[in-house]
N, C-alpha and C. Protein backbone atom coordinates (compact mmCIF):
# COMPACT_ATOMS: atom_id res chain seq x y z
N MET A 1 93.77 158.09 153.94
CA MET A 1 94.57 156.91 153.73
C MET A 1 95.21 157.02 152.35
N SER A 2 96.51 156.82 152.26
CA SER A 2 97.19 156.94 150.98
C SER A 2 96.80 155.77 150.08
N ARG A 3 96.97 155.96 148.78
CA ARG A 3 96.62 154.92 147.80
C ARG A 3 97.41 153.65 148.06
N SER A 4 98.71 153.77 148.38
CA SER A 4 99.53 152.58 148.59
C SER A 4 99.14 151.86 149.87
N SER A 5 98.81 152.60 150.94
CA SER A 5 98.41 151.92 152.17
C SER A 5 97.03 151.30 152.01
N PHE A 6 96.14 151.96 151.21
CA PHE A 6 94.84 151.36 150.94
C PHE A 6 95.02 150.06 150.16
N ALA A 7 95.86 150.09 149.13
CA ALA A 7 96.09 148.89 148.32
C ALA A 7 96.64 147.76 149.18
N ALA A 8 97.56 148.09 150.08
CA ALA A 8 98.12 147.07 150.96
C ALA A 8 97.05 146.50 151.89
N THR A 9 96.20 147.37 152.44
CA THR A 9 95.12 146.91 153.33
C THR A 9 94.14 146.04 152.57
N ALA A 10 93.74 146.47 151.39
CA ALA A 10 92.79 145.71 150.58
C ALA A 10 93.39 144.37 150.17
N SER A 11 94.66 144.38 149.77
CA SER A 11 95.32 143.13 149.38
C SER A 11 95.41 142.17 150.56
N ALA A 12 95.74 142.69 151.72
CA ALA A 12 95.82 141.84 152.91
C ALA A 12 94.46 141.24 153.24
N ALA A 13 93.41 142.02 153.13
CA ALA A 13 92.06 141.52 153.44
C ALA A 13 91.65 140.43 152.47
N VAL A 14 91.91 140.63 151.19
CA VAL A 14 91.54 139.62 150.21
C VAL A 14 92.40 138.38 150.39
N LEU A 15 93.68 138.56 150.66
CA LEU A 15 94.55 137.42 150.90
C LEU A 15 94.04 136.62 152.09
N MET A 16 93.67 137.32 153.17
CA MET A 16 93.12 136.63 154.34
C MET A 16 91.87 135.85 153.95
N SER A 17 91.06 136.41 153.07
CA SER A 17 89.82 135.75 152.69
C SER A 17 90.08 134.50 151.87
N LEU A 18 91.23 134.41 151.23
CA LEU A 18 91.54 133.25 150.41
C LEU A 18 92.22 132.13 151.19
N LEU A 19 92.69 132.45 152.38
CA LEU A 19 93.35 131.44 153.20
C LEU A 19 92.31 130.65 153.99
N THR A 20 92.56 129.39 154.19
CA THR A 20 91.65 128.60 155.01
C THR A 20 92.31 128.35 156.36
N HIS A 21 91.47 128.23 157.36
CA HIS A 21 91.97 127.98 158.70
C HIS A 21 91.84 126.50 159.02
N ALA A 22 92.88 125.94 159.59
CA ALA A 22 92.84 124.54 160.00
C ALA A 22 92.13 124.46 161.35
N ALA A 23 91.46 123.35 161.58
CA ALA A 23 90.81 123.14 162.88
C ALA A 23 91.90 123.01 163.94
N VAL A 24 91.62 123.53 165.12
CA VAL A 24 92.60 123.52 166.20
C VAL A 24 92.34 122.32 167.10
N ALA A 25 93.38 121.66 167.47
CA ALA A 25 93.23 120.53 168.40
C ALA A 25 94.32 120.64 169.45
N ASP A 26 93.95 120.36 170.67
CA ASP A 26 94.99 120.28 171.70
C ASP A 26 94.92 118.86 172.25
N GLY A 27 96.01 118.31 172.66
CA GLY A 27 96.14 116.92 173.02
C GLY A 27 94.92 116.22 173.58
N SER A 28 94.17 116.85 174.50
CA SER A 28 93.07 116.16 175.15
C SER A 28 91.71 116.53 174.59
N ARG A 29 91.59 117.70 174.00
CA ARG A 29 90.28 118.14 173.50
C ARG A 29 90.39 118.45 172.02
N ARG A 30 89.35 118.20 171.35
CA ARG A 30 89.29 118.54 169.93
C ARG A 30 88.18 119.57 169.75
N VAL A 31 88.42 120.58 168.97
CA VAL A 31 87.39 121.57 168.70
C VAL A 31 86.30 120.88 167.90
N LYS A 32 85.09 120.91 168.43
CA LYS A 32 83.99 120.20 167.79
C LYS A 32 83.36 121.01 166.68
N HIS A 33 83.34 122.32 166.83
CA HIS A 33 82.73 123.13 165.78
C HIS A 33 83.49 124.44 165.65
N GLN A 34 83.74 124.79 164.44
CA GLN A 34 84.40 126.06 164.15
C GLN A 34 83.54 126.79 163.13
N VAL A 35 83.40 128.08 163.30
CA VAL A 35 82.64 128.86 162.34
C VAL A 35 83.39 128.77 161.01
N PRO A 36 82.70 128.35 159.94
CA PRO A 36 83.40 128.25 158.65
C PRO A 36 83.99 129.58 158.23
N GLU A 37 85.10 129.52 157.52
CA GLU A 37 85.77 130.72 157.04
C GLU A 37 84.81 131.59 156.23
N ASN A 38 83.94 130.95 155.43
CA ASN A 38 83.03 131.71 154.58
C ASN A 38 81.88 132.34 155.35
N ALA A 39 81.86 132.17 156.67
CA ALA A 39 80.84 132.82 157.50
C ALA A 39 81.44 133.98 158.30
N GLN A 40 82.72 134.24 158.10
CA GLN A 40 83.39 135.33 158.80
C GLN A 40 83.55 136.53 157.86
N VAL A 41 83.61 137.70 158.45
CA VAL A 41 83.65 138.94 157.66
C VAL A 41 84.93 139.71 157.96
N THR A 42 85.55 140.23 156.90
CA THR A 42 86.67 141.15 157.02
C THR A 42 86.20 142.50 156.50
N ARG A 43 86.38 143.55 157.27
CA ARG A 43 85.95 144.90 156.90
C ARG A 43 87.14 145.65 156.32
N VAL A 44 86.94 146.24 155.14
CA VAL A 44 87.99 147.06 154.53
C VAL A 44 87.40 148.40 154.10
N GLN A 45 88.24 149.41 154.02
CA GLN A 45 87.82 150.72 153.55
C GLN A 45 87.93 150.75 152.04
N GLY A 46 87.02 151.46 151.41
CA GLY A 46 87.03 151.58 149.96
C GLY A 46 85.83 150.88 149.36
N THR A 47 85.69 151.03 148.05
CA THR A 47 84.57 150.43 147.34
C THR A 47 84.91 149.01 146.89
N ILE A 48 83.92 148.36 146.35
CA ILE A 48 84.13 147.03 145.78
C ILE A 48 85.22 147.08 144.72
N VAL A 49 85.18 148.10 143.86
CA VAL A 49 86.18 148.24 142.81
C VAL A 49 87.56 148.49 143.41
N ASP A 50 87.65 149.31 144.45
CA ASP A 50 88.94 149.57 145.10
C ASP A 50 89.57 148.27 145.59
N VAL A 51 88.76 147.41 146.19
CA VAL A 51 89.27 146.13 146.70
C VAL A 51 89.75 145.26 145.53
N ALA A 52 88.96 145.20 144.46
CA ALA A 52 89.33 144.38 143.31
C ALA A 52 90.62 144.90 142.65
N VAL A 53 90.70 146.22 142.47
CA VAL A 53 91.88 146.82 141.84
C VAL A 53 93.12 146.62 142.73
N GLY A 54 92.92 146.62 144.03
CA GLY A 54 94.03 146.51 144.97
C GLY A 54 94.56 145.11 145.17
N ASN A 55 93.97 144.12 144.51
CA ASN A 55 94.44 142.75 144.69
C ASN A 55 94.65 142.07 143.34
N PRO A 56 95.85 141.57 143.10
CA PRO A 56 96.13 140.93 141.81
C PRO A 56 95.30 139.67 141.54
N ALA A 57 94.72 139.08 142.55
CA ALA A 57 93.88 137.88 142.35
C ALA A 57 92.61 138.20 141.56
N PHE A 58 92.28 139.50 141.45
CA PHE A 58 91.09 139.93 140.72
C PHE A 58 91.43 140.68 139.43
N SER A 59 92.64 140.56 138.91
CA SER A 59 93.02 141.35 137.74
C SER A 59 92.16 141.04 136.51
N THR A 60 91.77 139.79 136.32
CA THR A 60 90.92 139.45 135.18
C THR A 60 89.54 140.07 135.34
N LEU A 61 89.00 140.01 136.55
CA LEU A 61 87.70 140.63 136.82
C LEU A 61 87.77 142.14 136.57
N VAL A 62 88.82 142.79 137.03
CA VAL A 62 88.97 144.23 136.83
C VAL A 62 89.04 144.56 135.34
N THR A 63 89.80 143.77 134.58
CA THR A 63 89.89 143.98 133.13
C THR A 63 88.51 143.85 132.48
N ALA A 64 87.74 142.85 132.90
CA ALA A 64 86.39 142.65 132.35
C ALA A 64 85.48 143.81 132.73
N LEU A 65 85.56 144.28 133.97
CA LEU A 65 84.74 145.41 134.38
C LEU A 65 85.08 146.67 133.57
N GLN A 66 86.36 146.88 133.32
CA GLN A 66 86.79 148.03 132.53
C GLN A 66 86.30 147.92 131.09
N ALA A 67 86.34 146.71 130.53
CA ALA A 67 85.93 146.50 129.13
C ALA A 67 84.43 146.74 128.93
N THR A 68 83.66 146.61 130.01
CA THR A 68 82.20 146.77 129.91
C THR A 68 81.71 148.07 130.54
N ASN A 69 82.62 148.92 130.96
CA ASN A 69 82.27 150.20 131.59
C ASN A 69 81.43 150.02 132.86
N LEU A 70 81.66 148.93 133.59
CA LEU A 70 80.91 148.70 134.84
C LEU A 70 81.67 149.20 136.08
N VAL A 71 82.88 149.69 135.90
CA VAL A 71 83.66 150.18 137.03
C VAL A 71 82.92 151.30 137.75
N THR A 72 82.42 152.27 137.01
CA THR A 72 81.72 153.41 137.61
C THR A 72 80.50 152.95 138.41
N THR A 73 79.76 152.01 137.87
CA THR A 73 78.58 151.49 138.57
C THR A 73 78.96 150.90 139.92
N LEU A 74 79.99 150.04 139.93
CA LEU A 74 80.37 149.38 141.18
C LEU A 74 81.19 150.26 142.12
N GLN A 75 81.53 151.46 141.67
CA GLN A 75 82.14 152.44 142.56
C GLN A 75 81.06 153.32 143.19
N GLY A 76 79.83 153.17 142.71
CA GLY A 76 78.72 153.99 143.19
C GLY A 76 78.32 153.67 144.61
N LYS A 77 77.30 154.39 145.06
CA LYS A 77 76.85 154.29 146.44
C LYS A 77 76.40 152.88 146.81
N GLY A 78 75.74 152.19 145.88
CA GLY A 78 75.26 150.85 146.20
C GLY A 78 74.10 150.91 147.16
N PRO A 79 73.98 149.96 148.03
CA PRO A 79 74.93 148.87 148.25
C PRO A 79 74.72 147.73 147.24
N PHE A 80 75.79 146.95 147.06
CA PHE A 80 75.78 145.82 146.16
C PHE A 80 76.30 144.58 146.89
N THR A 81 75.88 143.44 146.43
CA THR A 81 76.49 142.17 146.80
C THR A 81 77.12 141.64 145.52
N VAL A 82 78.42 141.36 145.58
CA VAL A 82 79.13 140.89 144.40
C VAL A 82 79.72 139.51 144.69
N PHE A 83 79.48 138.59 143.78
CA PHE A 83 80.10 137.27 143.81
C PHE A 83 81.29 137.36 142.86
N ALA A 84 82.49 137.55 143.43
CA ALA A 84 83.67 137.93 142.66
C ALA A 84 84.54 136.72 142.34
N PRO A 85 84.59 136.34 141.04
CA PRO A 85 85.49 135.25 140.65
C PRO A 85 86.94 135.71 140.62
N THR A 86 87.81 134.84 141.06
CA THR A 86 89.25 135.12 141.04
C THR A 86 89.81 134.83 139.63
N ASN A 87 91.08 135.15 139.44
CA ASN A 87 91.74 134.81 138.18
C ASN A 87 91.69 133.30 137.93
N ASP A 88 91.85 132.50 138.99
CA ASP A 88 91.78 131.05 138.84
C ASP A 88 90.39 130.62 138.37
N ALA A 89 89.36 131.31 138.82
CA ALA A 89 87.99 131.00 138.37
C ALA A 89 87.85 131.29 136.88
N PHE A 90 88.38 132.43 136.43
CA PHE A 90 88.31 132.75 135.00
C PHE A 90 89.11 131.75 134.17
N ALA A 91 90.19 131.21 134.74
CA ALA A 91 91.01 130.23 134.02
C ALA A 91 90.24 128.93 133.75
N LYS A 92 89.20 128.67 134.52
CA LYS A 92 88.38 127.47 134.31
C LYS A 92 87.39 127.60 133.15
N VAL A 93 87.15 128.83 132.71
CA VAL A 93 86.21 129.06 131.60
C VAL A 93 86.85 128.52 130.32
N PRO A 94 86.10 127.71 129.55
CA PRO A 94 86.67 127.20 128.30
C PRO A 94 87.15 128.35 127.42
N PRO A 95 88.33 128.19 126.81
CA PRO A 95 88.92 129.28 126.01
C PRO A 95 87.98 129.84 124.93
N ALA A 96 87.23 128.99 124.26
CA ALA A 96 86.33 129.48 123.21
C ALA A 96 85.26 130.40 123.79
N LEU A 97 84.72 130.04 124.94
CA LEU A 97 83.71 130.87 125.58
C LEU A 97 84.32 132.18 126.07
N LEU A 98 85.49 132.11 126.67
CA LEU A 98 86.16 133.33 127.15
C LEU A 98 86.45 134.27 125.98
N ASN A 99 86.94 133.73 124.87
CA ASN A 99 87.21 134.56 123.69
C ASN A 99 85.92 135.19 123.17
N PHE A 100 84.82 134.43 123.16
CA PHE A 100 83.53 134.96 122.73
C PHE A 100 83.11 136.13 123.62
N LEU A 101 83.23 135.94 124.94
CA LEU A 101 82.82 136.99 125.88
C LEU A 101 83.68 138.25 125.72
N LEU A 102 84.98 138.05 125.56
CA LEU A 102 85.88 139.20 125.42
C LEU A 102 85.62 139.96 124.11
N ALA A 103 85.13 139.25 123.08
CA ALA A 103 84.85 139.89 121.80
C ALA A 103 83.44 140.50 121.75
N ASN A 104 82.61 140.21 122.74
CA ASN A 104 81.22 140.68 122.75
C ASN A 104 80.91 141.36 124.09
N PRO A 105 81.14 142.67 124.17
CA PRO A 105 80.95 143.39 125.43
C PRO A 105 79.54 143.24 126.03
N ASP A 106 78.50 143.13 125.21
CA ASP A 106 77.15 142.96 125.75
C ASP A 106 77.01 141.62 126.47
N ALA A 107 77.55 140.57 125.87
CA ALA A 107 77.49 139.24 126.50
C ALA A 107 78.34 139.23 127.78
N LEU A 108 79.52 139.85 127.71
CA LEU A 108 80.37 139.93 128.90
C LEU A 108 79.69 140.73 130.00
N SER A 109 79.04 141.82 129.64
CA SER A 109 78.32 142.63 130.62
C SER A 109 77.22 141.80 131.29
N SER A 110 76.49 141.00 130.52
CA SER A 110 75.45 140.14 131.09
C SER A 110 76.04 139.17 132.11
N VAL A 111 77.17 138.57 131.76
CA VAL A 111 77.82 137.63 132.68
C VAL A 111 78.24 138.34 133.96
N LEU A 112 78.85 139.51 133.82
CA LEU A 112 79.30 140.24 135.00
C LEU A 112 78.13 140.70 135.87
N LEU A 113 77.06 141.18 135.26
CA LEU A 113 75.89 141.63 136.03
C LEU A 113 75.18 140.46 136.71
N TYR A 114 75.40 139.25 136.22
CA TYR A 114 74.87 138.04 136.85
C TYR A 114 75.59 137.75 138.17
N HIS A 115 76.72 138.42 138.39
CA HIS A 115 77.49 138.28 139.63
C HIS A 115 77.14 139.35 140.67
N VAL A 116 76.16 140.22 140.36
CA VAL A 116 75.84 141.36 141.23
C VAL A 116 74.36 141.32 141.60
N THR A 117 74.09 141.51 142.89
CA THR A 117 72.71 141.69 143.34
C THR A 117 72.61 143.06 144.00
N PRO A 118 71.45 143.72 143.84
CA PRO A 118 71.28 145.00 144.53
C PRO A 118 71.11 144.76 146.02
N GLY A 119 71.63 145.66 146.83
CA GLY A 119 71.51 145.53 148.28
C GLY A 119 72.55 144.58 148.85
N ILE A 120 72.56 144.51 150.16
CA ILE A 120 73.49 143.60 150.84
C ILE A 120 72.74 142.32 151.17
N LYS A 121 73.23 141.23 150.64
CA LYS A 121 72.62 139.92 150.88
C LYS A 121 73.55 139.13 151.78
N ASP A 122 73.08 138.82 152.98
CA ASP A 122 73.88 138.05 153.91
C ASP A 122 73.45 136.59 153.81
N VAL A 123 74.22 135.81 153.08
CA VAL A 123 73.90 134.39 152.90
C VAL A 123 74.88 133.49 153.65
N ARG A 124 75.62 134.08 154.58
CA ARG A 124 76.64 133.30 155.29
C ARG A 124 76.06 132.16 156.11
N PHE A 125 74.88 132.32 156.63
CA PHE A 125 74.30 131.28 157.47
C PHE A 125 73.10 130.65 156.79
N GLN A 126 73.25 130.42 155.50
CA GLN A 126 72.21 129.84 154.67
C GLN A 126 71.98 128.38 155.07
N PHE A 127 70.74 128.01 155.37
CA PHE A 127 70.46 126.63 155.75
C PHE A 127 69.53 125.94 154.77
N GLY A 128 69.19 126.60 153.72
CA GLY A 128 68.36 126.03 152.67
C GLY A 128 68.52 126.89 151.44
N PRO A 129 68.12 126.38 150.30
CA PRO A 129 68.27 127.15 149.06
C PRO A 129 67.56 128.50 149.14
N ARG A 130 68.18 129.48 148.55
CA ARG A 130 67.61 130.82 148.53
C ARG A 130 67.88 131.45 147.17
N ASP A 131 66.84 131.98 146.54
CA ASP A 131 66.99 132.66 145.26
C ASP A 131 67.41 134.10 145.51
N LEU A 132 68.35 134.58 144.73
CA LEU A 132 68.79 135.96 144.79
C LEU A 132 68.70 136.56 143.39
N LYS A 133 67.90 137.59 143.23
CA LYS A 133 67.73 138.25 141.93
C LYS A 133 68.97 139.08 141.63
N THR A 134 69.57 138.84 140.48
CA THR A 134 70.77 139.58 140.09
C THR A 134 70.39 140.82 139.28
N VAL A 135 71.34 141.71 139.14
CA VAL A 135 71.14 142.90 138.33
C VAL A 135 70.89 142.50 136.87
N GLU A 136 71.43 141.39 136.45
CA GLU A 136 71.24 140.89 135.09
C GLU A 136 69.79 140.49 134.85
N GLY A 137 69.08 140.14 135.93
CA GLY A 137 67.66 139.80 135.81
C GLY A 137 67.32 138.37 136.20
N GLN A 138 68.28 137.48 136.10
CA GLN A 138 68.04 136.09 136.49
C GLN A 138 68.45 135.88 137.94
N ASP A 139 68.03 134.76 138.49
CA ASP A 139 68.37 134.41 139.87
C ASP A 139 69.63 133.58 139.94
N VAL A 140 70.39 133.78 141.02
CA VAL A 140 71.41 132.82 141.43
C VAL A 140 70.85 132.15 142.68
N TYR A 141 71.40 131.00 143.01
CA TYR A 141 70.89 130.23 144.14
C TYR A 141 71.98 130.06 145.18
N ALA A 142 71.69 130.50 146.38
CA ALA A 142 72.62 130.35 147.49
C ALA A 142 72.17 129.14 148.30
N ASP A 143 73.12 128.32 148.67
CA ASP A 143 72.82 127.12 149.47
C ASP A 143 74.07 126.73 150.23
N ARG A 144 73.91 125.88 151.19
CA ARG A 144 75.03 125.39 151.99
C ARG A 144 75.08 123.88 151.89
N GLU A 145 76.28 123.37 151.69
CA GLU A 145 76.52 121.93 151.67
C GLU A 145 77.63 121.68 152.68
N ASP A 146 77.23 121.15 153.85
CA ASP A 146 78.16 121.03 154.98
C ASP A 146 78.70 122.42 155.31
N ASP A 147 80.02 122.60 155.30
CA ASP A 147 80.60 123.91 155.60
C ASP A 147 80.80 124.76 154.35
N ASP A 148 80.46 124.23 153.18
CA ASP A 148 80.64 124.98 151.94
C ASP A 148 79.41 125.84 151.66
N LEU A 149 79.65 127.10 151.39
CA LEU A 149 78.60 128.00 150.93
C LEU A 149 78.69 128.03 149.42
N LEU A 150 77.58 127.75 148.75
CA LEU A 150 77.56 127.67 147.30
C LEU A 150 76.68 128.75 146.70
N ILE A 151 77.15 129.35 145.64
CA ILE A 151 76.35 130.24 144.81
C ILE A 151 76.27 129.52 143.46
N ASN A 152 75.06 129.06 143.13
CA ASN A 152 74.90 128.09 142.04
C ASN A 152 75.81 126.91 142.40
N ASN A 153 76.75 126.54 141.56
CA ASN A 153 77.66 125.44 141.90
C ASN A 153 79.06 125.95 142.25
N SER A 154 79.19 127.23 142.46
CA SER A 154 80.47 127.84 142.77
C SER A 154 80.63 127.96 144.28
N LYS A 155 81.80 127.57 144.78
CA LYS A 155 82.07 127.67 146.22
C LYS A 155 82.55 129.07 146.59
N VAL A 156 82.05 129.55 147.73
CA VAL A 156 82.58 130.77 148.32
C VAL A 156 83.85 130.38 149.05
N ILE A 157 84.93 131.07 148.73
CA ILE A 157 86.22 130.72 149.33
C ILE A 157 86.68 131.88 150.21
N GLY A 158 87.09 131.55 151.40
CA GLY A 158 87.59 132.57 152.31
C GLY A 158 86.49 133.41 152.93
N ARG A 159 86.92 134.47 153.55
CA ARG A 159 86.02 135.37 154.29
C ARG A 159 85.21 136.25 153.36
N VAL A 160 84.07 136.68 153.86
CA VAL A 160 83.27 137.68 153.18
C VAL A 160 83.96 139.03 153.41
N ILE A 161 84.01 139.86 152.39
CA ILE A 161 84.68 141.16 152.49
C ILE A 161 83.62 142.25 152.48
N ARG A 162 83.57 143.03 153.56
CA ARG A 162 82.61 144.14 153.69
C ARG A 162 83.32 145.41 153.29
N THR A 163 82.78 146.11 152.28
CA THR A 163 83.37 147.35 151.79
C THR A 163 82.45 148.52 152.12
N ASP A 164 82.84 149.72 151.71
CA ASP A 164 82.02 150.90 151.95
C ASP A 164 80.70 150.88 151.18
N ASN A 165 80.65 150.13 150.08
CA ASN A 165 79.42 150.12 149.27
C ASN A 165 78.85 148.73 149.03
N GLY A 166 79.20 147.78 149.89
CA GLY A 166 78.60 146.46 149.75
C GLY A 166 79.46 145.35 150.31
N VAL A 167 79.19 144.15 149.83
CA VAL A 167 79.92 142.97 150.28
C VAL A 167 80.41 142.19 149.07
N ILE A 168 81.53 141.50 149.27
CA ILE A 168 82.12 140.64 148.24
C ILE A 168 82.20 139.23 148.80
N TYR A 169 81.65 138.29 148.03
CA TYR A 169 81.85 136.87 148.29
C TYR A 169 82.82 136.40 147.21
N VAL A 170 84.01 135.96 147.59
CA VAL A 170 85.01 135.48 146.63
C VAL A 170 84.59 134.06 146.22
N ILE A 171 84.48 133.82 144.91
CA ILE A 171 84.03 132.51 144.44
C ILE A 171 85.07 131.85 143.55
N ASP A 172 84.97 130.52 143.45
CA ASP A 172 85.97 129.74 142.73
C ASP A 172 85.61 129.42 141.28
N SER A 173 84.48 129.91 140.81
CA SER A 173 84.06 129.67 139.42
C SER A 173 83.29 130.89 138.91
N VAL A 174 83.34 131.08 137.61
CA VAL A 174 82.56 132.15 136.99
C VAL A 174 81.12 131.66 136.86
N LEU A 175 80.18 132.50 137.27
CA LEU A 175 78.75 132.17 137.15
C LEU A 175 78.30 132.54 135.74
N LEU A 176 77.57 131.64 135.11
CA LEU A 176 77.10 131.90 133.74
C LEU A 176 75.57 131.89 133.73
N PRO A 177 74.97 133.00 133.27
CA PRO A 177 73.51 133.03 133.17
C PRO A 177 73.03 132.11 132.06
N GLN A 178 71.76 131.73 132.13
CA GLN A 178 71.20 130.92 131.05
C GLN A 178 70.79 131.85 129.93
N TYR A 179 71.17 131.48 128.73
CA TYR A 179 70.79 132.28 127.57
C TYR A 179 69.58 131.64 126.92
N ARG A 180 68.63 132.49 126.55
CA ARG A 180 67.38 131.98 125.95
C ARG A 180 67.37 132.27 124.48
């Protein structure tokens, strides 16, 4: 697969994951239950990093991964589960904190590793709180609130993306570990 066709495929998959589906209704019947978007999976070829690099919605995440030398790790065999914040998620981080993280690669690395768990964690059908140990060492908590899948207080948006070396849950906020 050529680099440009891979980038187009990865971009299309991530774009699909960010779109929400409206409930379908036909004049006499209403759909009573639809599988939530965040419980559906899109399969793409390439690594977690390939998907992130191939989609402009993850440009801030890619820049952060490059600044902390984590690109090679997430291109590895894995498998990994990554809770990937979009550019909009990074925009919610207070500017002072973002500047601090960008000036301190160790702190930024801790934040990024808090978004990664070893192995493939399927939390799409979560019906109660579940602790997930991150590579950073602390736990994140997966839970469901109605049709929303939450990682800590961050919502999973769109479809889960299955890559060659793991899964990506696109999230709407940056997860911050507790500092002691």
